[in-house]
């Protein structure tokens, strides 16, 4: 009987470990996603593998791509502002065709 209690204690410790690490939540969310699929995939294990990565931490590639995207967006904003400023300056030196036609 003592062996049975020790086994239950180890199971409970392992279950708490999995819960604390977020493993149970990730597995539950992936299994719920599989359950809610209207068209069940032919290979459930592949579905779990693909979606478990999504539910878990981002990969290093994803993080670096996200960083690169943010940097490009900032650069695009700066270039857009510079473009607006240059167009405004250009308008001061080159009147529009209506203004030019009136001057002739």
N, C-alpha and C. Protein backbone atom coordinates (compact mmCIF):
# COMPACT_ATOMS: atom_id res chain seq x y z
N UNK A 1 0.82 -1.19 0.00
CA UNK A 1 0.00 0.00 0.00
C UNK A 1 0.87 1.26 0.00
N UNK A 2 2.01 1.24 0.66
CA UNK A 2 2.91 2.39 0.72
C UNK A 2 3.48 2.69 -0.66
N UNK A 3 3.76 1.65 -1.44
CA UNK A 3 4.26 1.84 -2.79
C UNK A 3 3.22 2.55 -3.65
N UNK A 4 1.96 2.23 -3.47
CA UNK A 4 0.87 2.85 -4.22
C UNK A 4 0.80 4.34 -3.92
N UNK A 5 0.97 4.72 -2.65
CA UNK A 5 0.92 6.14 -2.26
C UNK A 5 2.13 6.90 -2.82
N UNK A 6 3.26 6.29 -2.82
CA UNK A 6 4.46 6.93 -3.35
C UNK A 6 4.29 7.17 -4.85
N UNK A 7 3.69 6.23 -5.53
CA UNK A 7 3.46 6.37 -6.97
C UNK A 7 2.49 7.51 -7.23
N UNK A 8 1.43 7.60 -6.42
CA UNK A 8 0.47 8.70 -6.58
C UNK A 8 1.13 10.04 -6.30
N UNK A 9 2.00 10.09 -5.32
CA UNK A 9 2.69 11.33 -4.97
C UNK A 9 3.58 11.78 -6.13
N UNK A 10 4.31 10.85 -6.73
CA UNK A 10 5.15 11.20 -7.87
C UNK A 10 4.31 11.66 -9.04
N UNK A 11 3.20 11.01 -9.28
CA UNK A 11 2.29 11.44 -10.36
C UNK A 11 1.79 12.85 -10.13
N UNK A 12 1.40 13.11 -8.89
CA UNK A 12 0.87 14.44 -8.56
C UNK A 12 1.96 15.49 -8.71
N UNK A 13 3.18 15.19 -8.31
CA UNK A 13 4.30 16.13 -8.48
C UNK A 13 4.55 16.38 -9.97
N UNK A 14 4.51 15.33 -10.76
CA UNK A 14 4.73 15.48 -12.20
C UNK A 14 3.61 16.29 -12.84
N UNK A 15 2.38 16.04 -12.41
CA UNK A 15 1.24 16.79 -12.94
C UNK A 15 1.39 18.27 -12.61
N UNK A 16 1.79 18.59 -11.39
CA UNK A 16 1.99 19.99 -11.00
C UNK A 16 3.12 20.62 -11.80
N UNK A 17 4.17 19.85 -12.03
CA UNK A 17 5.29 20.34 -12.86
C UNK A 17 4.81 20.69 -14.26
N UNK A 18 4.03 19.80 -14.87
CA UNK A 18 3.51 20.05 -16.22
C UNK A 18 2.58 21.26 -16.23
N UNK A 19 1.78 21.38 -15.21
CA UNK A 19 0.85 22.51 -15.13
C UNK A 19 1.60 23.82 -14.96
N UNK A 20 2.61 23.82 -14.10
CA UNK A 20 3.40 25.03 -13.85
C UNK A 20 4.15 25.46 -15.10
N UNK A 21 4.61 24.50 -15.87
CA UNK A 21 5.38 24.81 -17.09
C UNK A 21 4.48 25.22 -18.26
N UNK A 22 3.18 25.11 -18.09
CA UNK A 22 2.26 25.50 -19.16
C UNK A 22 2.02 24.41 -20.18
N UNK A 23 2.54 23.22 -19.93
CA UNK A 23 2.38 22.12 -20.88
C UNK A 23 0.93 21.70 -20.98
N UNK A 24 0.26 21.59 -19.83
CA UNK A 24 -1.14 21.15 -19.85
C UNK A 24 -2.03 22.13 -20.61
N UNK A 25 -1.79 23.42 -20.41
CA UNK A 25 -2.59 24.43 -21.13
C UNK A 25 -2.35 24.35 -22.63
N UNK A 26 -1.09 24.18 -23.03
CA UNK A 26 -0.78 24.09 -24.46
C UNK A 26 -1.41 22.86 -25.09
N UNK A 27 -1.26 21.72 -24.42
CA UNK A 27 -1.86 20.49 -24.94
C UNK A 27 -3.38 20.61 -25.02
N UNK A 28 -3.97 21.17 -23.99
CA UNK A 28 -5.42 21.32 -23.98
C UNK A 28 -5.89 22.21 -25.13
N UNK A 29 -5.21 23.32 -25.35
CA UNK A 29 -5.64 24.23 -26.42
C UNK A 29 -5.49 23.58 -27.80
N UNK A 30 -4.43 22.80 -28.00
CA UNK A 30 -4.24 22.13 -29.29
C UNK A 30 -5.29 21.04 -29.48
N UNK A 31 -5.57 20.29 -28.43
CA UNK A 31 -6.58 19.24 -28.53
C UNK A 31 -7.98 19.84 -28.77
N UNK A 32 -8.25 20.97 -28.15
CA UNK A 32 -9.54 21.64 -28.39
C UNK A 32 -9.61 22.11 -29.84
N UNK A 33 -8.51 22.64 -30.37
CA UNK A 33 -8.49 23.07 -31.77
C UNK A 33 -8.74 21.89 -32.70
N UNK A 34 -8.15 20.75 -32.39
CA UNK A 34 -8.38 19.56 -33.20
C UNK A 34 -9.83 19.12 -33.11
N UNK A 35 -10.39 19.17 -31.94
CA UNK A 35 -11.78 18.79 -31.74
C UNK A 35 -12.72 19.71 -32.52
N UNK A 36 -12.40 20.99 -32.57
CA UNK A 36 -13.27 21.97 -33.22
C UNK A 36 -13.09 22.03 -34.73
N UNK A 37 -12.10 21.33 -35.28
CA UNK A 37 -11.90 21.28 -36.72
C UNK A 37 -13.12 20.64 -37.37
N UNK A 38 -13.71 21.32 -38.36
CA UNK A 38 -14.86 20.74 -39.04
C UNK A 38 -14.43 19.57 -39.93
N UNK A 39 -13.32 19.73 -40.62
CA UNK A 39 -12.77 18.65 -41.42
C UNK A 39 -11.55 18.12 -40.69
N UNK A 40 -11.69 16.96 -40.10
CA UNK A 40 -10.60 16.38 -39.32
C UNK A 40 -9.41 16.04 -40.24
N UNK A 41 -8.20 16.36 -39.81
CA UNK A 41 -7.02 16.05 -40.62
C UNK A 41 -6.82 14.53 -40.69
N UNK A 42 -6.20 14.10 -41.78
CA UNK A 42 -5.96 12.67 -41.94
C UNK A 42 -4.92 12.18 -40.94
N UNK A 43 -3.98 13.03 -40.56
CA UNK A 43 -2.96 12.65 -39.61
C UNK A 43 -3.06 13.57 -38.39
N UNK A 44 -3.68 13.08 -37.34
CA UNK A 44 -3.89 13.90 -36.15
C UNK A 44 -2.57 14.26 -35.48
N UNK A 45 -1.61 13.36 -35.54
CA UNK A 45 -0.33 13.63 -34.90
C UNK A 45 0.39 14.80 -35.57
N UNK A 46 0.35 14.86 -36.90
CA UNK A 46 0.95 16.00 -37.60
C UNK A 46 0.24 17.29 -37.23
N UNK A 47 -1.08 17.24 -37.12
CA UNK A 47 -1.85 18.42 -36.71
C UNK A 47 -1.36 18.90 -35.34
N UNK A 48 -1.20 17.96 -34.41
CA UNK A 48 -0.74 18.33 -33.07
C UNK A 48 0.67 18.93 -33.11
N UNK A 49 1.55 18.33 -33.89
CA UNK A 49 2.92 18.84 -33.99
C UNK A 49 2.94 20.26 -34.55
N UNK A 50 2.17 20.49 -35.61
CA UNK A 50 2.16 21.81 -36.25
C UNK A 50 1.55 22.86 -35.33
N UNK A 51 0.46 22.52 -34.69
CA UNK A 51 -0.25 23.50 -33.87
C UNK A 51 0.34 23.65 -32.47
N UNK A 52 1.07 22.67 -32.02
CA UNK A 52 1.70 22.79 -30.71
C UNK A 52 2.79 23.85 -30.76
N UNK A 53 3.49 23.94 -31.88
CA UNK A 53 4.50 24.98 -32.04
C UNK A 53 3.88 26.36 -32.00
N UNK A 54 2.66 26.49 -32.55
CA UNK A 54 1.96 27.77 -32.55
C UNK A 54 1.53 28.13 -31.14
N UNK A 55 1.08 27.15 -30.40
CA UNK A 55 0.60 27.41 -29.04
C UNK A 55 1.75 27.69 -28.08
N UNK A 56 2.94 27.20 -28.40
CA UNK A 56 4.08 27.36 -27.51
C UNK A 56 4.84 28.64 -27.76
N UNK A 57 6.09 28.63 -27.38
CA UNK A 57 6.94 29.81 -27.55
C UNK A 57 7.30 30.01 -29.02
N UNK A 58 7.54 31.27 -29.36
CA UNK A 58 7.94 31.57 -30.73
C UNK A 58 9.36 31.07 -30.97
N UNK A 59 9.61 30.64 -32.17
CA UNK A 59 10.95 30.19 -32.50
C UNK A 59 11.87 31.40 -32.68
N UNK A 60 13.15 31.14 -32.72
CA UNK A 60 14.13 32.23 -32.90
C UNK A 60 13.93 32.90 -34.25
N UNK A 61 13.58 32.11 -35.28
CA UNK A 61 13.34 32.69 -36.60
C UNK A 61 12.16 33.65 -36.56
N UNK A 62 11.10 33.25 -35.88
CA UNK A 62 9.92 34.09 -35.79
C UNK A 62 10.24 35.39 -35.07
N UNK A 63 11.00 35.28 -33.99
CA UNK A 63 11.36 36.48 -33.24
C UNK A 63 12.23 37.42 -34.07
N UNK A 64 13.19 36.86 -34.81
CA UNK A 64 14.06 37.72 -35.62
C UNK A 64 13.27 38.35 -36.77
N UNK A 65 12.34 37.60 -37.35
CA UNK A 65 11.51 38.17 -38.43
C UNK A 65 10.59 39.26 -37.88
N UNK A 66 10.08 39.07 -36.69
CA UNK A 66 9.23 40.09 -36.07
C UNK A 66 10.04 41.36 -35.81
N UNK A 67 11.27 41.20 -35.35
CA UNK A 67 12.15 42.35 -35.11
C UNK A 67 12.43 43.07 -36.43
N UNK A 68 12.74 42.31 -37.47
CA UNK A 68 13.02 42.89 -38.78
C UNK A 68 11.80 43.63 -39.31
N UNK A 69 10.63 43.06 -39.14
CA UNK A 69 9.39 43.70 -39.59
C UNK A 69 9.19 45.04 -38.88
N UNK A 70 9.41 45.07 -37.58
CA UNK A 70 9.27 46.32 -36.84
C UNK A 70 10.25 47.38 -37.32
N UNK A 71 11.48 46.97 -37.59
CA UNK A 71 12.48 47.92 -38.08
C UNK A 71 12.11 48.45 -39.45
N UNK A 72 11.60 47.59 -40.32
CA UNK A 72 11.20 48.02 -41.67
C UNK A 72 10.01 48.96 -41.59
N UNK A 73 9.07 48.68 -40.70
CA UNK A 73 7.92 49.58 -40.54
C UNK A 73 8.36 50.96 -40.08
N UNK A 74 9.30 51.01 -39.14
CA UNK A 74 9.81 52.30 -38.68
C UNK A 74 10.50 53.04 -39.81
N UNK A 75 11.29 52.32 -40.59
CA UNK A 75 11.99 52.93 -41.73
C UNK A 75 10.98 53.47 -42.75
N UNK A 76 9.92 52.70 -42.97
CA UNK A 76 8.89 53.13 -43.92
C UNK A 76 8.22 54.42 -43.43
N UNK A 77 7.95 54.52 -42.16
CA UNK A 77 7.34 55.73 -41.60
C UNK A 77 8.27 56.93 -41.79
N UNK A 78 9.55 56.72 -41.52
CA UNK A 78 10.52 57.82 -41.69
C UNK A 78 10.59 58.26 -43.15
N UNK A 79 10.63 57.30 -44.06
CA UNK A 79 10.69 57.64 -45.48
C UNK A 79 9.41 58.33 -45.96
N UNK A 80 8.28 57.93 -45.43
CA UNK A 80 7.02 58.58 -45.80
C UNK A 80 7.02 60.03 -45.35
N UNK A 81 7.49 60.28 -44.14
CA UNK A 81 7.58 61.66 -43.65
C UNK A 81 8.56 62.47 -44.48
N UNK A 82 9.69 61.88 -44.81
CA UNK A 82 10.68 62.57 -45.63
C UNK A 82 10.10 62.88 -47.01
N UNK A 83 9.36 61.95 -47.56
CA UNK A 83 8.73 62.14 -48.87
C UNK A 83 7.75 63.32 -48.81
N UNK A 84 6.94 63.38 -47.77
CA UNK A 84 5.99 64.49 -47.63
C UNK A 84 6.71 65.82 -47.55
N UNK A 85 7.79 65.85 -46.76
CA UNK A 85 8.56 67.07 -46.61
C UNK A 85 9.18 67.50 -47.93
N UNK A 86 9.73 66.57 -48.67
CA UNK A 86 10.35 66.89 -49.96
C UNK A 86 9.31 67.36 -50.98
N UNK A 87 8.14 66.79 -50.97
CA UNK A 87 7.07 67.24 -51.87
C UNK A 87 6.65 68.67 -51.54
N UNK A 88 6.58 68.96 -50.25
CA UNK A 88 6.23 70.32 -49.83
C UNK A 88 7.29 71.31 -50.29
N UNK A 89 8.55 70.97 -50.10
CA UNK A 89 9.63 71.85 -50.54
C UNK A 89 9.63 72.01 -52.05
N UNK A 90 9.34 70.96 -52.77
CA UNK A 90 9.31 71.01 -54.23
C UNK A 90 8.19 71.94 -54.71
N UNK A 91 7.07 71.93 -54.03
CA UNK A 91 5.95 72.79 -54.41
C UNK A 91 6.32 74.27 -54.28
N UNK A 92 7.21 74.62 -53.37
CA UNK A 92 7.62 76.01 -53.22
C UNK A 92 8.45 76.47 -54.41
N UNK A 93 9.23 75.55 -55.00
CA UNK A 93 10.13 75.93 -56.10
C UNK A 93 9.53 75.67 -57.47
N UNK A 94 8.62 74.73 -57.56
CA UNK A 94 7.99 74.43 -58.85
C UNK A 94 6.48 74.58 -58.70
N UNK A 95 5.95 75.65 -59.24
CA UNK A 95 4.48 75.83 -59.12
C UNK A 95 3.78 74.75 -59.96
N UNK A 96 2.52 74.51 -59.60
CA UNK A 96 1.73 73.52 -60.33
C UNK A 96 1.48 74.02 -61.74
N UNK A 97 1.00 73.17 -62.61
CA UNK A 97 0.80 73.52 -64.02
C UNK A 97 -0.23 74.65 -64.15
N UNK A 98 -1.20 74.72 -63.25
CA UNK A 98 -2.18 75.80 -63.31
C UNK A 98 -1.52 77.14 -63.04
N UNK A 99 -0.64 77.17 -62.02
CA UNK A 99 0.06 78.41 -61.68
C UNK A 99 1.02 78.79 -62.81
N UNK A 100 1.69 77.82 -63.38
CA UNK A 100 2.64 78.07 -64.47
C UNK A 100 1.95 78.58 -65.72
N UNK A 101 0.77 78.05 -66.01
CA UNK A 101 0.01 78.47 -67.19
C UNK A 101 -0.47 79.90 -67.02
N UNK A 102 -0.81 80.27 -65.80
CA UNK A 102 -1.29 81.63 -65.55
C UNK A 102 -0.15 82.63 -65.67
N UNK A 103 1.08 82.22 -65.36
CA UNK A 103 2.20 83.12 -65.40
C UNK A 103 2.64 83.45 -66.82
N UNK A 104 2.34 82.60 -67.76
CA UNK A 104 2.79 82.86 -69.13
C UNK A 104 2.00 83.86 -69.83
